[in-house]
Structure formats: structure tokens, C-alpha cells
C-alpha atoms as a PDB file:
ATOM      1  CA  MET A   1     106.147 117.294  57.347  1.00  0.00           C
ATOM      2  CA  CYS A   2     106.947 116.612  60.955  1.00  0.00           C
ATOM      3  CA  LEU A   3     108.397 119.460  63.009  1.00  0.00           C
ATOM      4  CA  ASP A   4     110.246 119.017  66.325  1.00  0.00           C
ATOM      5  CA  SER A   5     109.701 121.667  68.961  1.00  0.00           C
ATOM      6  CA  GLU A   6     113.358 122.723  68.639  1.00  0.00           C
ATOM      7  CA  GLU A   7     112.747 123.407  65.001  1.00  0.00           C
ATOM      8  CA  ILE A   8     109.882 125.576  65.947  1.00  0.00           C
ATOM      9  CA  ILE A   9     111.816 127.586  68.437  1.00  0.00           C
ATOM     10  CA  SER A  10     114.870 128.135  66.155  1.00  0.00           C
ATOM     11  CA  PRO A  11     113.956 127.172  62.602  1.00  0.00           C
ATOM     12  CA  ALA A  12     116.599 126.851  59.817  1.00  0.00           C
ATOM     13  CA  VAL A  13     114.435 128.866  57.515  1.00  0.00           C
ATOM     14  CA  PRO A  14     112.681 132.004  58.986  1.00  0.00           C
ATOM     15  CA  MET A  15     108.985 131.599  59.494  1.00  0.00           C
ATOM     16  CA  ALA A  16     106.272 134.108  60.404  1.00  0.00           C
ATOM     17  CA  LEU A  17     105.825 134.869  64.144  1.00  0.00           C
ATOM     18  CA  ARG A  18     102.076 133.909  63.851  1.00  0.00           C
ATOM     19  CA  LEU A  19     102.920 130.501  62.414  1.00  0.00           C
ATOM     20  CA  SER A  20     105.501 129.885  65.027  1.00  0.00           C
ATOM     21  CA  GLY A  21     102.953 130.805  67.765  1.00  0.00           C
ATOM     22  CA  ILE A  22     100.345 128.555  66.310  1.00  0.00           C
ATOM     23  CA  LEU A  23     102.807 125.667  66.016  1.00  0.00           C
ATOM     24  CA  MET A  24     103.913 126.162  69.655  1.00  0.00           C
ATOM     25  CA  GLY A  25     100.346 126.157  70.720  1.00  0.00           C
ATOM     26  CA  GLY A  26      99.836 122.801  69.158  1.00  0.00           C
ATOM     27  CA  VAL A  27     102.983 121.463  70.849  1.00  0.00           C
ATOM     28  CA  VAL A  28     101.520 122.587  74.222  1.00  0.00           C
ATOM     29  CA  ILE A  29      98.182 121.052  73.463  1.00  0.00           C
ATOM     30  CA  VAL A  30      99.831 117.627  72.639  1.00  0.00           C
ATOM     31  CA  TYR A  31     102.149 117.830  75.619  1.00  0.00           C
ATOM     32  CA  GLU A  32      99.158 118.614  77.896  1.00  0.00           C
ATOM     33  CA  ARG A  33      97.269 115.517  76.553  1.00  0.00           C
ATOM     34  CA  LYS A  34     100.355 113.282  77.088  1.00  0.00           C
ATOM     35  CA  VAL A  35     100.793 114.554  80.702  1.00  0.00           C
ATOM     36  CA  LYS A  36      97.034 113.984  81.373  1.00  0.00           C
ATOM     37  CA  LEU A  37      97.174 110.427  80.091  1.00  0.00           C
ATOM     38  CA  LEU A  38     100.265 109.606  82.090  1.00  0.00           C
ATOM     39  CA  TYR A  39      98.637 111.170  85.261  1.00  0.00           C
ATOM     40  CA  ASP A  40      95.501 109.068  84.705  1.00  0.00           C
ATOM     41  CA  ASP A  41      97.495 105.785  84.144  1.00  0.00           C
ATOM     42  CA  VAL A  42      99.560 106.497  87.371  1.00  0.00           C
ATOM     43  CA  ASN A  43      96.453 107.184  89.417  1.00  0.00           C
ATOM     44  CA  ARG A  44      94.948 103.957  88.070  1.00  0.00           C
ATOM     45  CA  LEU A  45      97.990 101.955  88.889  1.00  0.00           C
ATOM     46  CA  ILE A  46      98.074 103.388  92.424  1.00  0.00           C
ATOM     47  CA  ALA A  47      94.532 102.499  93.011  1.00  0.00           C
ATOM     48  CA  GLU A  48      95.084  98.945  91.749  1.00  0.00           C
ATOM     49  CA  ILE A  49      98.168  98.525  94.003  1.00  0.00           C
ATOM     50  CA  ASN A  50      96.125  99.722  96.998  1.00  0.00           C
ATOM     51  CA  VAL A  51      93.330  97.325  96.219  1.00  0.00           C
ATOM     52  CA  ALA A  52      95.923  94.366  95.791  1.00  0.00           C
ATOM     53  CA  TRP A  53      97.644  95.103  99.054  1.00  0.00           C
ATOM     54  CA  LYS A  54      94.516  95.729 101.011  1.00  0.00           C
ATOM     55  CA  VAL A  55      94.427  93.233 103.954  1.00  0.00           C
ATOM     56  CA  LYS A  56      91.207  91.402 104.127  1.00  0.00           C
ATOM     57  CA  ALA A  57      89.781  89.660 107.201  1.00  0.00           C
ATOM     58  CA  VAL A  58      89.294  86.036 106.401  1.00  0.00           C
ATOM     59  CA  LYS A  59      87.285  83.656 108.649  1.00  0.00           C
ATOM     60  CA  GLY A  60      87.922  80.073 108.192  1.00  0.00           C
ATOM     61  CA  PRO A  61      90.580  77.414 108.892  1.00  0.00           C
ATOM     62  CA  THR A  62      93.260  80.032 109.073  1.00  0.00           C
ATOM     63  CA  MET A  63      91.887  81.698 112.219  1.00  0.00           C
ATOM     64  CA  LEU A  64      92.708  80.410 115.653  1.00  0.00           C
ATOM     65  CA  ARG A  65      89.839  79.671 118.013  1.00  0.00           C
ATOM     66  CA  LYS A  66      89.278  81.925 120.980  1.00  0.00           C
ATOM     67  CA  GLY A  67      91.637  81.053 123.825  1.00  0.00           C
ATOM     68  CA  LYS A  68      94.120  79.225 121.586  1.00  0.00           C
ATOM     69  CA  SER A  69      97.640  80.627 121.088  1.00  0.00           C
ATOM     70  CA  LYS A  70      99.127  77.916 118.879  1.00  0.00           C
ATOM     71  CA  ALA A  71      97.929  76.044 115.838  1.00  0.00           C
ATOM     72  CA  LYS A  72      98.222  72.345 115.277  1.00  0.00           C
ATOM     73  CA  SER A  73     101.294  71.464 113.109  1.00  0.00           C
ATOM     74  CA  VAL A  74      99.058  69.421 110.814  1.00  0.00           C
ATOM     75  CA  LEU A  75      97.325  72.655 109.781  1.00  0.00           C
ATOM     76  CA  THR A  76     100.514  74.711 109.403  1.00  0.00           C
ATOM     77  CA  LEU A  77     102.748  72.375 107.412  1.00  0.00           C
ATOM     78  CA  LEU A  78     102.425  71.301 103.855  1.00  0.00           C
ATOM     79  CA  PRO A  79     102.361  67.596 103.175  1.00  0.00           C
ATOM     80  CA  PHE A  80     105.672  66.145 102.048  1.00  0.00           C
ATOM     81  CA  SER A  81     106.040  65.594  98.266  1.00  0.00           C
ATOM     82  CA  ALA A  82     109.159  64.519  96.561  1.00  0.00           C
ATOM     83  CA  HIS A  83     108.513  66.693  93.426  1.00  0.00           C
ATOM     84  CA  LEU A  84     108.388  69.898  95.618  1.00  0.00           C
ATOM     85  CA  ILE A  85     112.005  69.547  96.682  1.00  0.00           C
ATOM     86  CA  VAL A  86     114.038  72.449  95.457  1.00  0.00           C
ATOM     87  CA  VAL A  87     117.820  72.032  95.120  1.00  0.00           C
ATOM     88  CA  GLN A  88     119.827  75.152  95.504  1.00  0.00           C
ATOM     89  CA  CYS A  89     123.264  75.393  93.751  1.00  0.00           C
END
């Protein structure tokens, strides 16, 4: 038998006050667990998003040398390839 919280608050058939209290206590425990799981999931998601968006300093061919303000066009452009052409409608 599955009871909804609304059925516990206002039952079709009268039930003892003690039974009603015990059932509502169970509803509160289940709700608390659901909220805790949701809270943990959201905190984990926020942590993963922060890690994914963290800017990392990369040394290599993408960095300009000291005293240089422009990069060579060969280093900044992709090589032409006919299969990379995208046609917009």
C-alpha cells in the first residue's frame, strides 16, 4: 500500500493520531534524503563546471615571444581543405 502525503494529512478513512504522526515522520525522512542527494549533486556539478572553465596557463606554440605583438599568419590560420567548407542556407 502506497500513501501520498496528502492522504496522510487528510485521510479518507480516519486513522489514529499516532499512526498519522509516524507516517508523516517517514515522509519527512524521505524528503530530507531527497534534498540531501539533490544538494550533493548540485555541489558536485558546480565543482565540475568550475574545473572545466578554469583557465590554465599553457606554454608552447600558442604563446608569443617576448617583445612580439603579432603572430605569424601561418601559425594562426588553419590549412585550407575542401571538405571543411560549410555551406549556410
